[in-house]
Amino acid sequence: MNRIQCNQFVPCLSACSQLRDAFIYQLTQGFSHFDRQLRNDLLVIISLISATVIDIPYVQSGLAKQLALLATFQEGCLQLDS
């Protein structure tokens, strides 16, 4: 997928919601080495898209809130459903 295709696809709210759901699912349900690798790959994809596409609806999809919660949570008290 080149930059033009990425700019047309990613600003869609449903695309961001799908990325959020896939990342959160892998984070909460993935326990194998493969699952952790896939979770890390999803996070890299999210990072690359944010560096490339300006108008991504991360806030509207809830992805920004989830990433902020994950980046600042204290171990032992992870709450993803709020």
Foldseek 3Di string as FASTA:
>chain_A
DDLVVLQVPQQDLVNLLVLQVLLVCLVPPPDDPVSVVVNVVSVVVVVVSVVRYPNGVCVVSCNVVQVVQVVDPDPPDRDRPD
